Amino acid sequence: MPETFAVTDAVELAVVERSGFVESRHSGSAIVLAPDGAVVNALGPVDEPILPRSTLKPLQALASVTAGAALEGAHLAVATASHSGTHRHVSLVTDILSTAGLSEDALQCPPSWPGDAAARDEMTRELIGPQRVRMNCSGKHAAMLLACTASGWDPASYLDPMHPLQVHTREVIERLTGTKITATATDGCGAPVYGMSLQALARAVHRIGASSERSPFALHRSAGALVRAVRENPWVIQGPGFPDTVVVERLGVFAKHGAEGVMIMIAPDGTTVAMKMLDGSSRASAVTALTLLVRAGALGAADVAAMLADLPLTITGGGRDVGVIRPTV
């Protein structure tokens, strides 16, 4: 697989301040596309390959839908989510599996504890161990399984890169990004994840955000429905109090983080951001992406400032606030 960009090519995107001292710096790359798709800002090596991790989920969800997974509303939203494993999330996932005629045993994502503290505490009290259905990618996997049963494909091998579903998924990704896949890796959930440039990822996300449910093309109708499903059900995309959900709820911005510091956002006017933190940290991703949208004129600075208190950006010391995580773009 091609190496990603070198440290010397990265641009500082955010810093961590403690008592006025810059303690850490987050470098990486970012790209902003205007509502018409034109590049309005590019920081760092946006043409170098990255692994998009869970920011690929909207593309994977659309592949499952176009392969026969008939989903809508919150059930469509959970197919693109990195959810926190609440009971409500689990209910959506089990609904999809039930429609496919399958049980939780069909999921091949690894067992996991939920990210939601209340759900995790309840499982601990009841002596319930990690479960596949609680894994944050279980919605994506359930949608893949539903696509398999709808298309008559073997659900037992659905994660094999050569499985018909994964071949179809790769074709959908290539269509949306406008580039050929040249590198395949295994994501944390076990599904294939594909190397691509940040610019290619942004292009695909922008196309999804610009899609209409009235399009003559099925893929674009599904993309329009997907974006609407997330905006109408923001709790699904991650979970109450979590950054992606907060951003969707407060600003109407389609937000999807990925592991290793990857983030995508689509503002209501279609302005799109894709970014990657070189050190893999996600703590400054949301605020940096929002700042780039403000700079592009897609969001109001006051509106973003008003919701930053709801993001985990405060640095503490001795039980009190002593610093902040802040963007430098």
C-alpha atoms as a PDB file:
ATOM      1  CA  MET A   1       0.000   0.000   0.000  1.00  0.00           C
ATOM      2  CA  PRO A   2       1.327   3.524  -0.753  1.00  0.00           C
ATOM      3  CA  GLU A   3       2.688   5.430   2.217  1.00  0.00           C
ATOM      4  CA  THR A   4       0.667   8.383   3.436  1.00  0.00           C
ATOM      5  CA  PHE A   5       2.044  11.914   3.418  1.00  0.00           C
ATOM      6  CA  ALA A   6       5.202  12.807   5.311  1.00  0.00           C
ATOM      7  CA  VAL A   7       5.222  14.773   8.547  1.00  0.00           C
ATOM      8  CA  THR A   8       7.036  17.645   6.824  1.00  0.00           C
ATOM      9  CA  ASP A   9       4.138  18.070   4.382  1.00  0.00           C
ATOM     10  CA  ALA A  10       1.466  18.473   7.054  1.00  0.00           C
ATOM     11  CA  VAL A  11      -0.052  21.801   8.111  1.00  0.00           C
ATOM     12  CA  GLU A  12      -0.807  22.750  11.707  1.00  0.00           C
ATOM     13  CA  LEU A  13      -4.582  22.562  12.154  1.00  0.00           C
ATOM     14  CA  ALA A  14      -5.098  22.863  15.913  1.00  0.00           C
ATOM     15  CA  VAL A  15      -3.311  23.223  19.240  1.00  0.00           C
ATOM     16  CA  VAL A  16      -3.910  22.272  22.855  1.00  0.00           C
ATOM     17  CA  GLU A  17      -3.341  25.056  25.372  1.00  0.00           C
ATOM     18  CA  ARG A  18      -2.788  24.510  29.095  1.00  0.00           C
ATOM     19  CA  SER A  19      -2.536  27.604  31.300  1.00  0.00           C
ATOM     20  CA  GLY A  20      -1.565  29.664  28.269  1.00  0.00           C
ATOM     21  CA  PHE A  21       1.155  27.206  27.223  1.00  0.00           C
ATOM     22  CA  VAL A  22       0.832  25.397  23.886  1.00  0.00           C
ATOM     23  CA  GLU A  23       1.238  21.819  25.069  1.00  0.00           C
ATOM     24  CA  SER A  24       0.457  19.912  21.868  1.00  0.00           C
ATOM     25  CA  ARG A  25       0.024  20.628  18.175  1.00  0.00           C
ATOM     26  CA  HIS A  26      -2.168  18.688  15.717  1.00  0.00           C
ATOM     27  CA  SER A  27      -1.020  18.724  12.101  1.00  0.00           C
ATOM     28  CA  GLY A  28      -2.633  17.216   9.041  1.00  0.00           C
ATOM     29  CA  SER A  29      -4.459  18.147   5.867  1.00  0.00           C
ATOM     30  CA  ALA A  30      -7.876  19.506   4.994  1.00  0.00           C
ATOM     31  CA  ILE A  31      -9.871  20.479   1.927  1.00  0.00           C
ATOM     32  CA  VAL A  32     -12.995  22.594   1.518  1.00  0.00           C
ATOM     33  CA  LEU A  33     -15.303  22.418  -1.495  1.00  0.00           C
ATOM     34  CA  ALA A  34     -17.796  25.155  -2.348  1.00  0.00           C
ATOM     35  CA  PRO A  35     -21.473  24.339  -2.986  1.00  0.00           C
ATOM     36  CA  ASP A  36     -20.635  24.006  -6.695  1.00  0.00           C
ATOM     37  CA  GLY A  37     -17.790  21.579  -5.957  1.00  0.00           C
ATOM     38  CA  ALA A  38     -14.915  23.982  -6.577  1.00  0.00           C
ATOM     39  CA  VAL A  39     -11.932  23.805  -4.226  1.00  0.00           C
ATOM     40  CA  VAL A  40     -11.955  26.929  -2.048  1.00  0.00           C
ATOM     41  CA  ASN A  41      -9.299  25.894   0.475  1.00  0.00           C
ATOM     42  CA  ALA A  42      -6.654  23.171   0.558  1.00  0.00           C
ATOM     43  CA  LEU A  43      -4.244  22.717   3.452  1.00  0.00           C
ATOM     44  CA  GLY A  44      -1.478  20.154   3.301  1.00  0.00           C
ATOM     45  CA  PRO A  45      -1.147  17.209   0.884  1.00  0.00           C
ATOM     46  CA  VAL A  46      -4.806  16.659  -0.022  1.00  0.00           C
ATOM     47  CA  ASP A  47      -3.842  14.494  -3.019  1.00  0.00           C
ATOM     48  CA  GLU A  48      -1.917  11.938  -0.946  1.00  0.00           C
ATOM     49  CA  PRO A  49      -3.609   8.658   0.078  1.00  0.00           C
ATOM     50  CA  ILE A  50      -5.329   8.182   3.420  1.00  0.00           C
ATOM     51  CA  LEU A  51      -7.634   5.543   4.844  1.00  0.00           C
ATOM     52  CA  PRO A  52     -11.011   7.233   5.341  1.00  0.00           C
ATOM     53  CA  ARG A  53     -12.068   4.762   8.039  1.00  0.00           C
ATOM     54  CA  SER A  54     -15.664   5.404   9.170  1.00  0.00           C
ATOM     55  CA  THR A  55     -16.055   8.492   6.993  1.00  0.00           C
ATOM     56  CA  LEU A  56     -16.465   5.890   4.246  1.00  0.00           C
ATOM     57  CA  LYS A  57     -19.721   4.699   5.839  1.00  0.00           C
ATOM     58  CA  PRO A  58     -22.053   6.976   3.851  1.00  0.00           C
ATOM     59  CA  LEU A  59     -20.616   5.487   0.649  1.00  0.00           C
ATOM     60  CA  GLN A  60     -20.869   1.943   2.013  1.00  0.00           C
ATOM     61  CA  ALA A  61     -24.432   2.529   3.157  1.00  0.00           C
ATOM     62  CA  LEU A  62     -25.399   3.749  -0.311  1.00  0.00           C
ATOM     63  CA  ALA A  63     -23.821   0.643  -1.798  1.00  0.00           C
ATOM     64  CA  SER A  64     -25.925  -1.551   0.494  1.00  0.00           C
ATOM     65  CA  VAL A  65     -29.092   0.369  -0.371  1.00  0.00           C
ATOM     66  CA  THR A  66     -28.471   0.167  -4.118  1.00  0.00           C
ATOM     67  CA  ALA A  67     -27.795  -3.551  -3.681  1.00  0.00           C
ATOM     68  CA  GLY A  68     -31.267  -4.102  -2.247  1.00  0.00           C
ATOM     69  CA  ALA A  69     -31.231  -3.030   1.410  1.00  0.00           C
ATOM     70  CA  ALA A  70     -34.552  -1.179   1.593  1.00  0.00           C
ATOM     71  CA  LEU A  71     -33.976   1.243   4.474  1.00  0.00           C
ATOM     72  CA  GLU A  72     -35.408   4.614   5.391  1.00  0.00           C
ATOM     73  CA  GLY A  73     -35.499   7.060   8.284  1.00  0.00           C
ATOM     74  CA  ALA A  74     -33.586   6.105  11.405  1.00  0.00           C
ATOM     75  CA  HIS A  75     -32.858   2.643   9.983  1.00  0.00           C
ATOM     76  CA  LEU A  76     -31.103   4.263   7.029  1.00  0.00           C
ATOM     77  CA  ALA A  77     -29.231   6.619   9.349  1.00  0.00           C
ATOM     78  CA  VAL A  78     -27.872   3.780  11.490  1.00  0.00           C
ATOM     79  CA  ALA A  79     -26.393   2.171   8.357  1.00  0.00           C
ATOM     80  CA  THR A  80     -24.006   5.132   8.127  1.00  0.00           C
ATOM     81  CA  ALA A  81     -23.522   5.630  11.875  1.00  0.00           C
ATOM     82  CA  SER A  82     -20.685   5.086  14.308  1.00  0.00           C
ATOM     83  CA  HIS A  83     -23.239   4.739  17.061  1.00  0.00           C
ATOM     84  CA  SER A  84     -22.721   4.701  20.807  1.00  0.00           C
ATOM     85  CA  GLY A  85     -24.549   1.429  21.411  1.00  0.00           C
ATOM     86  CA  THR A  86     -27.600   2.683  23.270  1.00  0.00           C
ATOM     87  CA  HIS A  87     -30.688   0.485  23.502  1.00  0.00           C
ATOM     88  CA  ARG A  88     -32.313   2.616  20.788  1.00  0.00           C
ATOM     89  CA  HIS A  89     -29.381   2.016  18.458  1.00  0.00           C
ATOM     90  CA  VAL A  90     -29.465  -1.702  19.153  1.00  0.00           C
ATOM     91  CA  SER A  91     -33.187  -1.776  18.398  1.00  0.00           C
ATOM     92  CA  LEU A  92     -32.580  -0.270  14.962  1.00  0.00           C
ATOM     93  CA  VAL A  93     -29.834  -2.787  14.182  1.00  0.00           C
ATOM     94  CA  THR A  94     -31.904  -5.781  15.299  1.00  0.00           C
ATOM     95  CA  ASP A  95     -34.831  -4.494  13.216  1.00  0.00           C
ATOM     96  CA  ILE A  96     -32.628  -4.572  10.118  1.00  0.00           C
ATOM     97  CA  LEU A  97     -31.364  -8.053  10.937  1.00  0.00           C
ATOM     98  CA  SER A  98     -34.916  -9.266  11.508  1.00  0.00           C
ATOM     99  CA  THR A  99     -35.944  -7.924   8.100  1.00  0.00           C
ATOM    100  CA  ALA A 100     -33.052  -9.924   6.634  1.00  0.00           C
ATOM    101  CA  GLY A 101     -34.245 -13.030   8.468  1.00  0.00           C
ATOM    102  CA  LEU A 102     -31.021 -13.149  10.478  1.00  0.00           C
ATOM    103  CA  SER A 103     -30.015 -13.027  14.117  1.00  0.00           C
ATOM    104  CA  GLU A 104     -27.264 -11.055  15.822  1.00  0.00           C
ATOM    105  CA  ASP A 105     -24.992 -14.065  15.288  1.00  0.00           C
ATOM    106  CA  ALA A 106     -24.771 -13.154  11.597  1.00  0.00           C
ATOM    107  CA  LEU A 107     -22.843  -9.965  12.432  1.00  0.00           C
ATOM    108  CA  GLN A 108     -19.106 -10.332  11.876  1.00  0.00           C
ATOM    109  CA  CYS A 109     -18.003  -7.082  13.492  1.00  0.00           C
ATOM    110  CA  PRO A 110     -16.122  -7.746  16.759  1.00  0.00           C
ATOM    111  CA  PRO A 111     -17.944  -7.766  20.117  1.00  0.00           C
ATOM    112  CA  SER A 112     -17.664  -4.413  21.855  1.00  0.00           C
ATOM    113  CA  TRP A 113     -18.755  -2.415  24.853  1.00  0.00           C
ATOM    114  CA  PRO A 114     -21.102   0.466  24.005  1.00  0.00           C
ATOM    115  CA  GLY A 115     -19.664   3.966  23.960  1.00  0.00           C
ATOM    116  CA  ASP A 116     -22.707   5.170  25.893  1.00  0.00           C
ATOM    117  CA  ALA A 117     -21.836   5.188  29.597  1.00  0.00           C
ATOM    118  CA  ALA A 118     -25.348   4.378  30.836  1.00  0.00           C
ATOM    119  CA  ALA A 119     -25.668   1.362  28.548  1.00  0.00           C
ATOM    120  CA  ARG A 120     -22.180   0.171  29.495  1.00  0.00           C
ATOM    121  CA  ASP A 121     -22.909   0.512  33.223  1.00  0.00           C
ATOM    122  CA  GLU A 122     -26.178  -1.386  32.864  1.00  0.00           C
ATOM    123  CA  MET A 123     -24.453  -4.231  31.026  1.00  0.00           C
ATOM    124  CA  THR A 124     -21.797  -4.372  33.745  1.00  0.00           C
ATOM    125  CA  ARG A 125     -24.402  -4.536  36.505  1.00  0.00           C
ATOM    126  CA  GLU A 126     -26.217  -7.327  34.684  1.00  0.00           C
ATOM    127  CA  LEU A 127     -22.942  -9.197  34.017  1.00  0.00           C
ATOM    128  CA  ILE A 128     -23.370  -8.897  30.251  1.00  0.00           C
ATOM    129  CA  GLY A 129     -20.138  -8.881  28.294  1.00  0.00           C
ATOM    130  CA  PRO A 130     -19.252  -7.134  25.022  1.00  0.00           C
ATOM    131  CA  GLN A 131     -21.686  -7.759  22.157  1.00  0.00           C
ATOM    132  CA  ARG A 132     -21.393  -7.500  18.382  1.00  0.00           C
ATOM    133  CA  VAL A 133     -24.655  -5.568  18.161  1.00  0.00           C
ATOM    134  CA  ARG A 134     -23.200  -2.900  20.483  1.00  0.00           C
ATOM    135  CA  MET A 135     -20.159  -2.379  18.246  1.00  0.00           C
ATOM    136  CA  ASN A 136     -20.323   1.082  16.697  1.00  0.00           C
ATOM    137  CA  CYS A 137     -20.263  -0.331  13.146  1.00  0.00           C
ATOM    138  CA  SER A 138     -23.069  -2.857  13.651  1.00  0.00           C
ATOM    139  CA  GLY A 139     -25.551  -0.734  11.691  1.00  0.00           C
ATOM    140  CA  LYS A 140     -23.295  -0.778   8.637  1.00  0.00           C
ATOM    141  CA  HIS A 141     -22.862  -4.544   8.969  1.00  0.00           C
ATOM    142  CA  ALA A 142     -26.598  -5.144   9.382  1.00  0.00           C
ATOM    143  CA  ALA A 143     -27.272  -3.122   6.211  1.00  0.00           C
ATOM    144  CA  MET A 144     -24.665  -5.182   4.356  1.00  0.00           C
ATOM    145  CA  LEU A 145     -26.333  -8.388   5.505  1.00  0.00           C
ATOM    146  CA  LEU A 146     -29.757  -7.127   4.417  1.00  0.00           C
ATOM    147  CA  ALA A 147     -28.324  -6.296   0.979  1.00  0.00           C
ATOM    148  CA  CYS A 148     -26.960  -9.834   0.753  1.00  0.00           C
ATOM    149  CA  THR A 149     -30.240 -11.537   1.563  1.00  0.00           C
ATOM    150  CA  ALA A 150     -32.139  -9.177  -0.761  1.00  0.00           C
ATOM    151  CA  SER A 151     -29.769  -9.972  -3.638  1.00  0.00           C
ATOM    152  CA  GLY A 152     -29.429 -13.692  -2.970  1.00  0.00           C
ATOM    153  CA  TRP A 153     -25.772 -13.448  -1.956  1.00  0.00           C
ATOM    154  CA  ASP A 154     -24.108 -15.576   0.711  1.00  0.00           C
ATOM    155  CA  PRO A 155     -24.312 -13.654   4.021  1.00  0.00           C
ATOM    156  CA  ALA A 156     -21.655 -15.829   5.663  1.00  0.00           C
ATOM    157  CA  SER A 157     -18.815 -14.353   3.611  1.00  0.00           C
ATOM    158  CA  TYR A 158     -20.078 -10.773   3.247  1.00  0.00           C
ATOM    159  CA  LEU A 159     -16.776  -9.213   4.413  1.00  0.00           C
ATOM    160  CA  ASP A 160     -14.627 -10.947   1.811  1.00  0.00           C
ATOM    161  CA  PRO A 161     -13.290  -8.242  -0.545  1.00  0.00           C
ATOM    162  CA  MET A 162     -14.228 -10.471  -3.486  1.00  0.00           C
ATOM    163  CA  HIS A 163     -17.812 -11.024  -2.261  1.00  0.00           C
ATOM    164  CA  PRO A 164     -20.397  -9.622  -4.713  1.00  0.00           C
ATOM    165  CA  LEU A 165     -21.499  -7.036  -2.150  1.00  0.00           C
ATOM    166  CA  GLN A 166     -17.963  -5.755  -1.612  1.00  0.00           C
ATOM    167  CA  VAL A 167     -17.303  -5.700  -5.359  1.00  0.00           C
ATOM    168  CA  HIS A 168     -20.471  -3.628  -5.778  1.00  0.00           C
ATOM    169  CA  THR A 169     -19.442  -1.389  -2.870  1.00  0.00           C
ATOM    170  CA  ARG A 170     -16.060  -0.753  -4.452  1.00  0.00           C
ATOM    171  CA  GLU A 171     -17.751   0.169  -7.748  1.00  0.00           C
ATOM    172  CA  VAL A 172     -20.068   2.630  -5.966  1.00  0.00           C
ATOM    173  CA  ILE A 173     -17.106   4.202  -4.175  1.00  0.00           C
ATOM    174  CA  GLU A 174     -15.222   4.581  -7.449  1.00  0.00           C
ATOM    175  CA  ARG A 175     -18.262   6.161  -9.064  1.00  0.00           C
ATOM    176  CA  LEU A 176     -18.695   8.702  -6.256  1.00  0.00           C
ATOM    177  CA  THR A 177     -15.009   9.547  -5.837  1.00  0.00           C
ATOM    178  CA  GLY A 178     -14.265   9.550  -9.552  1.00  0.00           C
ATOM    179  CA  THR A 179     -11.067   7.568  -8.934  1.00  0.00           C
ATOM    180  CA  LYS A 180      -9.998   3.934  -9.138  1.00  0.00           C
ATOM    181  CA  ILE A 181      -9.300   2.073  -5.909  1.00  0.00           C
ATOM    182  CA  THR A 182      -5.639   1.070  -5.754  1.00  0.00           C
ATOM    183  CA  ALA A 183      -5.282   0.021  -2.093  1.00  0.00           C
ATOM    184  CA  THR A 184      -7.463  -2.157   0.120  1.00  0.00           C
ATOM    185  CA  ALA A 185      -7.080  -2.558   3.884  1.00  0.00           C
ATOM    186  CA  THR A 186      -9.113  -4.077   6.711  1.00  0.00           C
ATOM    187  CA  ASP A 187     -11.019  -1.637   8.903  1.00  0.00           C
ATOM    188  CA  GLY A 188     -11.340  -2.050  12.666  1.00  0.00           C
ATOM    189  CA  CYS A 189     -14.759  -3.650  12.223  1.00  0.00           C
ATOM    190  CA  GLY A 190     -13.408  -6.195   9.727  1.00  0.00           C
ATOM    191  CA  ALA A 191     -14.929  -4.660   6.587  1.00  0.00           C
ATOM    192  CA  PRO A 192     -12.767  -3.602   3.643  1.00  0.00           C
ATOM    193  CA  VAL A 193     -11.643   0.029   3.687  1.00  0.00           C
ATOM    194  CA  TYR A 194     -10.058   1.653   0.674  1.00  0.00           C
ATOM    195  CA  GLY A 195      -7.171   4.080   0.341  1.00  0.00           C
ATOM    196  CA  MET A 196      -7.986   7.335  -1.430  1.00  0.00           C
ATOM    197  CA  SER A 197      -6.918  10.951  -1.423  1.00  0.00           C
ATOM    198  CA  LEU A 198      -8.603  13.448   0.840  1.00  0.00           C
ATOM    199  CA  GLN A 199      -9.700  15.311  -2.285  1.00  0.00           C
ATOM    200  CA  ALA A 200     -11.387  12.162  -3.654  1.00  0.00           C
ATOM    201  CA  LEU A 201     -13.169  11.636  -0.333  1.00  0.00           C
ATOM    202  CA  ALA A 202     -14.340  15.251  -0.312  1.00  0.00           C
ATOM    203  CA  ARG A 203     -15.582  14.945  -3.887  1.00  0.00           C
ATOM    204  CA  ALA A 204     -17.658  11.880  -3.012  1.00  0.00           C
ATOM    205  CA  VAL A 205     -19.089  13.466   0.123  1.00  0.00           C
ATOM    206  CA  HIS A 206     -19.937  16.638  -1.781  1.00  0.00           C
ATOM    207  CA  ARG A 207     -21.793  14.597  -4.410  1.00  0.00           C
ATOM    208  CA  ILE A 208     -23.778  12.896  -1.648  1.00  0.00           C
ATOM    209  CA  GLY A 209     -24.628  16.232  -0.059  1.00  0.00           C
ATOM    210  CA  ALA A 210     -25.697  17.723  -3.397  1.00  0.00           C
ATOM    211  CA  SER A 211     -27.945  14.780  -4.293  1.00  0.00           C
ATOM    212  CA  SER A 212     -31.702  15.102  -4.572  1.00  0.00           C
ATOM    213  CA  GLU A 213     -34.369  12.574  -3.709  1.00  0.00           C
ATOM    214  CA  ARG A 214     -36.043  13.660  -6.973  1.00  0.00           C
ATOM    215  CA  SER A 215     -33.026  12.705  -9.090  1.00  0.00           C
ATOM    216  CA  PRO A 216     -33.638  10.387 -12.057  1.00  0.00           C
ATOM    217  CA  PHE A 217     -30.701   8.304 -10.799  1.00  0.00           C
ATOM    218  CA  ALA A 218     -31.296   5.766  -8.021  1.00  0.00           C
ATOM    219  CA  LEU A 219     -27.900   6.322  -6.389  1.00  0.00           C
ATOM    220  CA  HIS A 220     -28.511  10.057  -6.030  1.00  0.00           C
ATOM    221  CA  ARG A 221     -32.077   9.560  -4.783  1.00  0.00           C
ATOM    222  CA  SER A 222     -30.697   7.242  -2.116  1.00  0.00           C
ATOM    223  CA  ALA A 223     -27.962   9.756  -1.245  1.00  0.00           C
ATOM    224  CA  GLY A 224     -30.521  12.511  -0.769  1.00  0.00           C
ATOM    225  CA  ALA A 225     -32.575  10.227   1.464  1.00  0.00           C
ATOM    226  CA  LEU A 226     -29.484   9.311   3.479  1.00  0.00           C
ATOM    227  CA  VAL A 227     -28.563  12.918   4.243  1.00  0.00           C
ATOM    228  CA  ARG A 228     -32.151  13.712   5.203  1.00  0.00           C
ATOM    229  CA  ALA A 229     -32.346  10.638   7.437  1.00  0.00           C
ATOM    230  CA  VAL A 230     -29.294  11.755   9.405  1.00  0.00           C
ATOM    231  CA  ARG A 231     -30.448  15.361   9.721  1.00  0.00           C
ATOM    232  CA  GLU A 232     -33.899  14.238  10.886  1.00  0.00           C
ATOM    233  CA  ASN A 233     -32.468  11.663  13.323  1.00  0.00           C
ATOM    234  CA  PRO A 234     -29.235  13.184  14.645  1.00  0.00           C
ATOM    235  CA  TRP A 235     -29.157  10.952  17.723  1.00  0.00           C
ATOM    236  CA  VAL A 236     -28.552   7.953  15.453  1.00  0.00           C
ATOM    237  CA  ILE A 237     -25.289   9.076  13.797  1.00  0.00           C
ATOM    238  CA  GLN A 238     -23.351   8.823  17.071  1.00  0.00           C
ATOM    239  CA  GLY A 239     -25.390   9.381  20.217  1.00  0.00           C
ATOM    240  CA  PRO A 240     -26.776  12.035  22.565  1.00  0.00           C
ATOM    241  CA  GLY A 241     -23.986  14.347  23.716  1.00  0.00           C
ATOM    242  CA  PHE A 242     -21.428  13.009  21.225  1.00  0.00           C
ATOM    243  CA  PRO A 243     -19.821  15.470  18.776  1.00  0.00           C
ATOM    244  CA  ASP A 244     -21.322  14.246  15.487  1.00  0.00           C
ATOM    245  CA  THR A 245     -24.813  14.273  16.957  1.00  0.00           C
ATOM    246  CA  VAL A 246     -24.350  17.689  18.587  1.00  0.00           C
ATOM    247  CA  VAL A 247     -23.163  19.233  15.312  1.00  0.00           C
ATOM    248  CA  VAL A 248     -26.115  17.814  13.356  1.00  0.00           C
ATOM    249  CA  GLU A 249     -28.627  18.846  16.027  1.00  0.00           C
ATOM    250  CA  ARG A 250     -27.378  22.374  16.560  1.00  0.00           C
ATOM    251  CA  LEU A 251     -26.218  23.401  13.090  1.00  0.00           C
ATOM    252  CA  GLY A 252     -27.901  21.052  10.610  1.00  0.00           C
ATOM    253  CA  VAL A 253     -24.441  20.008   9.418  1.00  0.00           C
ATOM    254  CA  PHE A 254     -24.026  16.396   8.267  1.00  0.00           C
ATOM    255  CA  ALA A 255     -21.027  15.321  10.357  1.00  0.00           C
ATOM    256  CA  LYS A 256     -19.240  11.977  10.324  1.00  0.00           C
ATOM    257  CA  HIS A 257     -15.984  11.256  12.087  1.00  0.00           C
ATOM    258  CA  GLY A 258     -13.661   8.377  11.360  1.00  0.00           C
ATOM    259  CA  ALA A 259     -10.944   6.705  13.385  1.00  0.00           C
ATOM    260  CA  GLU A 260      -7.412   8.108  13.246  1.00  0.00           C
ATOM    261  CA  GLY A 261      -8.481  11.730  13.052  1.00  0.00           C
ATOM    262  CA  VAL A 262     -10.577  11.744   9.875  1.00  0.00           C
ATOM    263  CA  MET A 263     -13.654  13.990   9.625  1.00  0.00           C
ATOM    264  CA  ILE A 264     -16.194  14.959   6.965  1.00  0.00           C
ATOM    265  CA  MET A 265     -18.877  17.629   7.177  1.00  0.00           C
ATOM    266  CA  ILE A 266     -21.524  18.926   4.781  1.00  0.00           C
ATOM    267  CA  ALA A 267     -23.041  22.329   5.604  1.00  0.00           C
ATOM    268  CA  PRO A 268     -26.707  22.985   4.761  1.00  0.00           C
ATOM    269  CA  ASP A 269     -25.639  24.967   1.664  1.00  0.00           C
ATOM    270  CA  GLY A 270     -23.518  22.056   0.383  1.00  0.00           C
ATOM    271  CA  THR A 271     -20.089  23.378   1.386  1.00  0.00           C
ATOM    272  CA  THR A 272     -18.031  20.298   2.234  1.00  0.00           C
ATOM    273  CA  VAL A 273     -14.987  19.683   4.422  1.00  0.00           C
ATOM    274  CA  ALA A 274     -12.778  16.595   4.588  1.00  0.00           C
ATOM    275  CA  MET A 275      -9.789  16.494   6.916  1.00  0.00           C
ATOM    276  CA  LYS A 276      -7.220  14.153   8.430  1.00  0.00           C
ATOM    277  CA  MET A 277      -5.143  14.655  11.578  1.00  0.00           C
ATOM    278  CA  LEU A 278      -1.698  13.193  10.997  1.00  0.00           C
ATOM    279  CA  ASP A 279      -1.298  11.973  14.587  1.00  0.00           C
ATOM    280  CA  GLY A 280      -4.626  10.120  14.476  1.00  0.00           C
ATOM    281  CA  SER A 281      -6.201  12.161  17.264  1.00  0.00           C
ATOM    282  CA  SER A 282      -9.861  13.107  16.872  1.00  0.00           C
ATOM    283  CA  ARG A 283     -10.121  15.573  19.742  1.00  0.00           C
ATOM    284  CA  ALA A 284      -9.757  18.665  17.550  1.00  0.00           C
ATOM    285  CA  SER A 285     -11.411  17.331  14.394  1.00  0.00           C
ATOM    286  CA  ALA A 286     -14.937  18.677  14.857  1.00  0.00           C
ATOM    287  CA  VAL A 287     -13.954  22.194  15.932  1.00  0.00           C
ATOM    288  CA  THR A 288     -11.377  22.451  13.140  1.00  0.00           C
ATOM    289  CA  ALA A 289     -13.840  21.335  10.460  1.00  0.00           C
ATOM    290  CA  LEU A 290     -16.460  23.767  11.783  1.00  0.00           C
ATOM    291  CA  THR A 291     -13.934  26.589  11.711  1.00  0.00           C
ATOM    292  CA  LEU A 292     -13.139  25.821   8.080  1.00  0.00           C
ATOM    293  CA  LEU A 293     -16.863  25.986   7.267  1.00  0.00           C
ATOM    294  CA  VAL A 294     -17.085  29.362   9.004  1.00  0.00           C
ATOM    295  CA  ARG A 295     -14.090  30.624   7.016  1.00  0.00           C
ATOM    296  CA  ALA A 296     -15.796  29.464   3.824  1.00  0.00           C
ATOM    297  CA  GLY A 297     -18.905  31.454   4.722  1.00  0.00           C
ATOM    298  CA  ALA A 298     -21.077  28.347   5.083  1.00  0.00           C
ATOM    299  CA  LEU A 299     -21.782  28.793   8.802  1.00  0.00           C
ATOM    300  CA  GLY A 300     -22.144  31.825  11.049  1.00  0.00           C
ATOM    301  CA  ALA A 301     -19.297  32.350  13.512  1.00  0.00           C
ATOM    302  CA  ALA A 302     -21.732  33.215  16.303  1.00  0.00           C
ATOM    303  CA  ASP A 303     -23.773  30.073  15.704  1.00  0.00           C
ATOM    304  CA  VAL A 304     -20.672  27.867  15.891  1.00  0.00           C
ATOM    305  CA  ALA A 305     -19.299  29.696  18.944  1.00  0.00           C
ATOM    306  CA  ALA A 306     -22.610  29.190  20.739  1.00  0.00           C
ATOM    307  CA  MET A 307     -22.432  25.415  20.445  1.00  0.00           C
ATOM    308  CA  LEU A 308     -18.718  24.886  21.166  1.00  0.00           C
ATOM    309  CA  ALA A 309     -19.463  24.548  24.890  1.00  0.00           C
ATOM    310  CA  ASP A 310     -21.248  21.308  24.010  1.00  0.00           C
ATOM    311  CA  LEU A 311     -18.068  19.805  22.527  1.00  0.00           C
ATOM    312  CA  PRO A 312     -15.296  18.237  24.677  1.00  0.00           C
ATOM    313  CA  LEU A 313     -12.745  21.008  24.146  1.00  0.00           C
ATOM    314  CA  THR A 314     -11.892  22.013  27.713  1.00  0.00           C
ATOM    315  CA  ILE A 315      -8.530  21.170  29.304  1.00  0.00           C
ATOM    316  CA  THR A 316      -8.692  20.719  33.073  1.00  0.00           C
ATOM    317  CA  GLY A 317      -6.187  20.802  35.891  1.00  0.00           C
ATOM    318  CA  GLY A 318      -6.863  20.265  39.571  1.00  0.00           C
ATOM    319  CA  GLY A 319     -10.554  19.912  38.863  1.00  0.00           C
ATOM    320  CA  ARG A 320     -10.930  23.270  37.094  1.00  0.00           C
ATOM    321  CA  ASP A 321     -10.722  24.572  33.540  1.00  0.00           C
ATOM    322  CA  VAL A 322      -7.196  25.672  32.660  1.00  0.00           C
ATOM    323  CA  GLY A 323      -7.044  25.482  28.885  1.00  0.00           C
ATOM    324  CA  VAL A 324      -8.696  24.652  25.610  1.00  0.00           C
ATOM    325  CA  ILE A 325      -8.374  22.732  22.355  1.00  0.00           C
ATOM    326  CA  ARG A 326      -8.556  25.297  19.580  1.00  0.00           C
ATOM    327  CA  PRO A 327      -8.131  25.364  15.793  1.00  0.00           C
ATOM    328  CA  THR A 328      -5.308  27.369  14.217  1.00  0.00           C
ATOM    329  CA  VAL A 329      -6.590  27.375  10.621  1.00  0.00           C
END
